[in-house]
């Protein structure tokens, strides 16, 4: 799976997979080859400050 897009798009994709497959955990890996460190760190920050809170706010469906 490739997750690319805004925090809202990433959240929607994770929730969609949860609905389809019942996944309760998601492991994400970021490739840093050629990516500036500030961009890499910004991606991690967005996952923690935007995506995770949205996922936690969703009611459990399984």
Protein backbone atom coordinates (compact mmCIF):
# COMPACT_ATOMS: atom_id res chain seq x y z
CA UNK A 1 0.00 0.00 0.00
CA UNK A 2 1.12 3.50 -0.72
CA UNK A 3 -0.29 6.37 1.30
CA UNK A 4 0.15 9.70 -0.46
CA UNK A 5 -1.83 12.89 0.02
CA UNK A 6 -3.08 15.31 2.61
CA UNK A 7 -3.63 14.26 6.24
CA UNK A 8 -7.37 14.01 5.49
CA UNK A 9 -6.72 11.75 2.50
CA UNK A 10 -4.40 9.53 4.53
CA UNK A 11 -6.98 9.29 7.32
CA UNK A 12 -9.72 8.41 4.83
CA UNK A 13 -7.54 5.71 3.26
CA UNK A 14 -6.74 4.12 6.62
CA UNK A 15 -10.41 4.21 7.65
CA UNK A 16 -11.43 2.73 4.30
CA UNK A 17 -9.01 -0.18 4.77
CA UNK A 18 -10.31 -0.67 8.28
CA UNK A 19 -13.84 -0.90 6.93
CA UNK A 20 -12.86 -3.34 4.16
CA UNK A 21 -10.42 -5.55 6.00
CA UNK A 22 -11.05 -4.91 9.68
CA UNK A 23 -7.44 -3.79 10.20
CA UNK A 24 -6.90 -2.57 13.74
CA UNK A 25 -3.25 -1.61 13.28
CA UNK A 26 -1.35 0.15 10.53
CA UNK A 27 2.41 0.13 10.14
CA UNK A 28 3.76 3.01 8.10
CA UNK A 29 7.25 3.25 6.66
CA UNK A 30 8.72 6.38 5.12
CA UNK A 31 11.50 6.28 2.55
CA UNK A 32 14.02 9.04 3.19
CA UNK A 33 16.10 8.55 0.06
CA UNK A 34 16.50 11.97 -1.48
CA UNK A 35 13.96 13.61 0.83
CA UNK A 36 15.08 16.66 2.79
CA UNK A 37 15.18 16.03 6.54
CA UNK A 38 12.75 18.89 7.25
CA UNK A 39 10.21 17.32 4.85
CA UNK A 40 10.62 13.92 6.44
CA UNK A 41 10.16 15.37 9.92
CA UNK A 42 7.15 17.39 8.74
CA UNK A 43 5.54 14.16 7.48
CA UNK A 44 6.04 12.53 10.88
CA UNK A 45 4.61 15.62 12.57
CA UNK A 46 1.51 15.53 10.35
CA UNK A 47 0.93 11.86 11.13
CA UNK A 48 1.06 12.57 14.86
CA UNK A 49 -0.81 15.86 14.97
CA UNK A 50 -3.40 15.50 12.18
CA UNK A 51 -3.91 11.87 11.14
CA UNK A 52 -3.75 10.14 14.53
CA UNK A 53 -6.19 12.49 16.28
CA UNK A 54 -8.69 12.03 13.42
CA UNK A 55 -8.37 8.25 13.65
CA UNK A 56 -8.82 8.30 17.40
CA UNK A 57 -11.93 10.47 17.04
CA UNK A 58 -13.64 7.89 14.78
CA UNK A 59 -16.04 5.55 16.59
CA UNK A 60 -14.90 1.93 16.69
CA UNK A 61 -16.71 -0.13 14.09
CA UNK A 62 -15.44 -3.59 14.91
